[in-house]
Amino acid sequence: MFYAQDRESGIKLLGAQAWFVRTDGGVVDAFLLKDRADAWAKAHGGDVLDFDAVKASIVASN
């Protein structure tokens, strides 16, 4: 089981149900709602990913 904290509210999320933004610098932030992840990515740059995609991107970068 993997947990993450919502970037905006700080609430604990189940990783498999969260949305993530990965920046060009490799920083990953978690979000409860996809629309909040989309807004963050638009404002700060980065890609919105689901749990499987963020896992794959981290593994590929190592």
N, C-alpha and C. Protein backbone atom coordinates (compact mmCIF):
# COMPACT_ATOMS: atom_id res chain seq x y z
N MET A 1 0.85 -1.16 0.00
CA MET A 1 0.00 0.00 0.00
C MET A 1 0.90 1.23 0.00
N PHE A 2 0.53 2.21 -0.79
CA PHE A 2 1.29 3.46 -0.92
C PHE A 2 0.37 4.63 -0.58
N TYR A 3 0.88 5.53 0.24
CA TYR A 3 0.13 6.73 0.60
C TYR A 3 0.87 7.97 0.11
N ALA A 4 0.11 9.00 -0.19
CA ALA A 4 0.67 10.29 -0.58
C ALA A 4 -0.14 11.37 0.12
N GLN A 5 0.41 12.56 0.19
CA GLN A 5 -0.32 13.69 0.77
C GLN A 5 -0.71 14.66 -0.32
N ASP A 6 -1.98 15.08 -0.27
CA ASP A 6 -2.46 16.06 -1.23
C ASP A 6 -1.65 17.35 -1.08
N ARG A 7 -1.16 17.85 -2.20
CA ARG A 7 -0.30 19.04 -2.21
C ARG A 7 -0.98 20.25 -1.59
N GLU A 8 -2.27 20.37 -1.79
CA GLU A 8 -2.98 21.57 -1.36
C GLU A 8 -3.58 21.45 0.05
N SER A 9 -4.16 20.32 0.37
CA SER A 9 -4.85 20.19 1.67
C SER A 9 -4.03 19.44 2.71
N GLY A 10 -3.08 18.64 2.25
CA GLY A 10 -2.28 17.84 3.17
C GLY A 10 -2.93 16.55 3.62
N ILE A 11 -4.15 16.26 3.13
CA ILE A 11 -4.81 15.02 3.56
C ILE A 11 -4.10 13.81 2.97
N LYS A 12 -4.17 12.71 3.70
CA LYS A 12 -3.55 11.46 3.31
C LYS A 12 -4.39 10.78 2.24
N LEU A 13 -3.74 10.37 1.16
CA LEU A 13 -4.43 9.74 0.03
C LEU A 13 -3.89 8.34 -0.21
N LEU A 14 -4.75 7.45 -0.66
CA LEU A 14 -4.27 6.18 -1.19
C LEU A 14 -3.62 6.47 -2.54
N GLY A 15 -2.38 6.06 -2.70
CA GLY A 15 -1.64 6.38 -3.92
C GLY A 15 -2.35 5.96 -5.19
N ALA A 16 -2.98 4.80 -5.17
CA ALA A 16 -3.64 4.29 -6.37
C ALA A 16 -4.86 5.12 -6.77
N GLN A 17 -5.35 5.96 -5.86
CA GLN A 17 -6.52 6.78 -6.16
C GLN A 17 -6.18 8.25 -6.36
N ALA A 18 -4.91 8.59 -6.26
CA ALA A 18 -4.47 9.98 -6.39
C ALA A 18 -4.07 10.29 -7.83
N TRP A 19 -3.97 11.58 -8.10
CA TRP A 19 -3.42 12.09 -9.35
C TRP A 19 -2.11 12.77 -9.01
N PHE A 20 -1.16 12.74 -9.93
CA PHE A 20 0.17 13.26 -9.67
C PHE A 20 0.58 14.22 -10.77
N VAL A 21 1.39 15.20 -10.39
CA VAL A 21 2.03 16.08 -11.37
C VAL A 21 3.52 15.89 -11.21
N ARG A 22 4.17 15.54 -12.30
CA ARG A 22 5.63 15.41 -12.31
C ARG A 22 6.19 16.55 -13.14
N THR A 23 7.03 17.37 -12.51
CA THR A 23 7.61 18.52 -13.19
C THR A 23 8.80 18.08 -14.04
N ASP A 24 9.26 18.98 -14.88
CA ASP A 24 10.44 18.69 -15.70
C ASP A 24 11.66 18.40 -14.83
N GLY A 25 11.69 18.96 -13.64
CA GLY A 25 12.79 18.73 -12.71
C GLY A 25 12.67 17.43 -11.94
N GLY A 26 11.59 16.67 -12.16
CA GLY A 26 11.41 15.38 -11.52
C GLY A 26 10.66 15.41 -10.20
N VAL A 27 10.21 16.58 -9.77
CA VAL A 27 9.43 16.69 -8.54
C VAL A 27 8.02 16.14 -8.79
N VAL A 28 7.54 15.33 -7.85
CA VAL A 28 6.20 14.74 -7.97
C VAL A 28 5.33 15.23 -6.83
N ASP A 29 4.18 15.79 -7.17
CA ASP A 29 3.19 16.24 -6.19
C ASP A 29 1.91 15.45 -6.40
N ALA A 30 1.22 15.13 -5.30
CA ALA A 30 -0.02 14.36 -5.35
C ALA A 30 -1.23 15.27 -5.16
N PHE A 31 -2.34 14.87 -5.78
CA PHE A 31 -3.59 15.61 -5.69
C PHE A 31 -4.74 14.63 -5.58
N LEU A 32 -5.73 15.01 -4.79
CA LEU A 32 -6.94 14.19 -4.67
C LEU A 32 -7.76 14.24 -5.95
N LEU A 33 -7.88 15.43 -6.53
CA LEU A 33 -8.75 15.63 -7.69
C LEU A 33 -7.95 15.91 -8.95
N LYS A 34 -8.37 15.30 -10.05
CA LYS A 34 -7.68 15.47 -11.32
C LYS A 34 -7.72 16.92 -11.78
N ASP A 35 -8.84 17.61 -11.59
CA ASP A 35 -8.91 19.00 -12.05
C ASP A 35 -7.93 19.90 -11.29
N ARG A 36 -7.64 19.58 -10.03
CA ARG A 36 -6.64 20.35 -9.27
C ARG A 36 -5.24 20.03 -9.76
N ALA A 37 -5.00 18.76 -10.13
CA ALA A 37 -3.71 18.39 -10.71
C ALA A 37 -3.52 19.08 -12.06
N ASP A 38 -4.58 19.11 -12.87
CA ASP A 38 -4.51 19.81 -14.16
C ASP A 38 -4.19 21.29 -13.98
N ALA A 39 -4.84 21.92 -13.02
CA ALA A 39 -4.62 23.35 -12.77
C ALA A 39 -3.19 23.61 -12.30
N TRP A 40 -2.69 22.75 -11.42
CA TRP A 40 -1.32 22.90 -10.92
C TRP A 40 -0.32 22.74 -12.06
N ALA A 41 -0.53 21.71 -12.88
CA ALA A 41 0.38 21.47 -14.00
C ALA A 41 0.37 22.64 -14.98
N LYS A 42 -0.78 23.20 -15.22
CA LYS A 42 -0.89 24.34 -16.13
C LYS A 42 -0.17 25.56 -15.56
N ALA A 43 -0.31 25.79 -14.28
CA ALA A 43 0.29 26.96 -13.64
C ALA A 43 1.79 26.83 -13.40
N HIS A 44 2.25 25.60 -13.14
CA HIS A 44 3.64 25.41 -12.73
C HIS A 44 4.46 24.55 -13.69
N GLY A 45 3.81 24.00 -14.70
CA GLY A 45 4.50 23.11 -15.63
C GLY A 45 4.52 21.69 -15.11
N GLY A 46 4.53 20.76 -16.01
CA GLY A 46 4.57 19.35 -15.63
C GLY A 46 3.48 18.55 -16.31
N ASP A 47 3.52 17.26 -16.07
CA ASP A 47 2.58 16.33 -16.67
C ASP A 47 1.70 15.72 -15.59
N VAL A 48 0.41 15.59 -15.87
CA VAL A 48 -0.52 14.94 -14.96
C VAL A 48 -0.50 13.44 -15.24
N LEU A 49 -0.29 12.67 -14.18
CA LEU A 49 -0.15 11.22 -14.32
C LEU A 49 -1.02 10.51 -13.29
N ASP A 50 -1.50 9.33 -13.65
CA ASP A 50 -2.16 8.49 -12.65
C ASP A 50 -1.08 7.68 -11.93
N PHE A 51 -1.48 6.86 -10.99
CA PHE A 51 -0.52 6.12 -10.16
C PHE A 51 0.40 5.23 -10.99
N ASP A 52 -0.17 4.45 -11.90
CA ASP A 52 0.66 3.55 -12.71
C ASP A 52 1.66 4.32 -13.56
N ALA A 53 1.23 5.43 -14.14
CA ALA A 53 2.12 6.23 -14.98
C ALA A 53 3.23 6.89 -14.18
N VAL A 54 2.92 7.38 -12.99
CA VAL A 54 3.96 8.01 -12.18
C VAL A 54 4.96 6.97 -11.70
N LYS A 55 4.50 5.77 -11.35
CA LYS A 55 5.43 4.69 -10.97
C LYS A 55 6.37 4.39 -12.12
N ALA A 56 5.82 4.24 -13.32
CA ALA A 56 6.64 3.93 -14.49
C ALA A 56 7.64 5.04 -14.79
N SER A 57 7.23 6.29 -14.64
CA SER A 57 8.14 7.40 -14.94
C SER A 57 9.28 7.47 -13.93
N ILE A 58 9.00 7.13 -12.68
CA ILE A 58 10.06 7.14 -11.66
C ILE A 58 11.03 5.99 -11.90
N VAL A 59 10.52 4.82 -12.20
CA VAL A 59 11.38 3.67 -12.49
C VAL A 59 12.25 3.95 -13.71
N ALA A 60 11.67 4.54 -14.74
CA ALA A 60 12.41 4.83 -15.97
C ALA A 60 13.51 5.86 -15.75
N SER A 61 13.32 6.76 -14.80
CA SER A 61 14.32 7.82 -14.58
C SER A 61 15.48 7.35 -13.72
N ASN A 62 15.36 6.18 -13.09
CA ASN A 62 16.45 5.69 -12.23
C ASN A 62 17.42 4.85 -12.98
